[in-house]
Amino acid sequence: QVQLVESGGGFVQAGGSLKLSCVFSGGEFSDYAMGWFRQPSGKGREFVGVIKGDGGTTYYADSVKGRFTISRDNAKNTVYLQMTSLKPEDAGVYFCAADRTPGRGVAAVAIMYDFWGQGTLVTVSS
């Protein structure tokens, strides 16, 4: 069974940076597209971005484009979310998720993902 474990969340001032990690186990990591989602307090889960299995293609939500970068290290079974120029509205619980459907286009909806991590909290002060 695939398991995902996020880490790296914490408290940061607006304008600062934070890097999240998500370690994958229980499957062939390169077979999965890996997405990041976030859930602000009291709101629904929203798409942040996704990276394809070979790491060659990424796609981001407009709200984070140019500020966030997703990367992966398939040798370490790890996907990263580098966040810069953080804003208070970026705060929330961040989740990584794994999509095992081969050949899918951009998976920007939570229901497309098969496995989820437990989340890591990011707090951004103004």
Foldseek 3Di string as FASTA:
>chain_A
DKAKAKDWADEEEQQAKTKMKIAIDDDQLLLWKKFKWFAAPPGDIFGAKIAHSVQPDIDGDPVQPPFWDWGDDSVRRMIMIIGGNHDQVVWGWMKMFIANDPPDDTDGDPVRTDDIYPTDGHGYHD
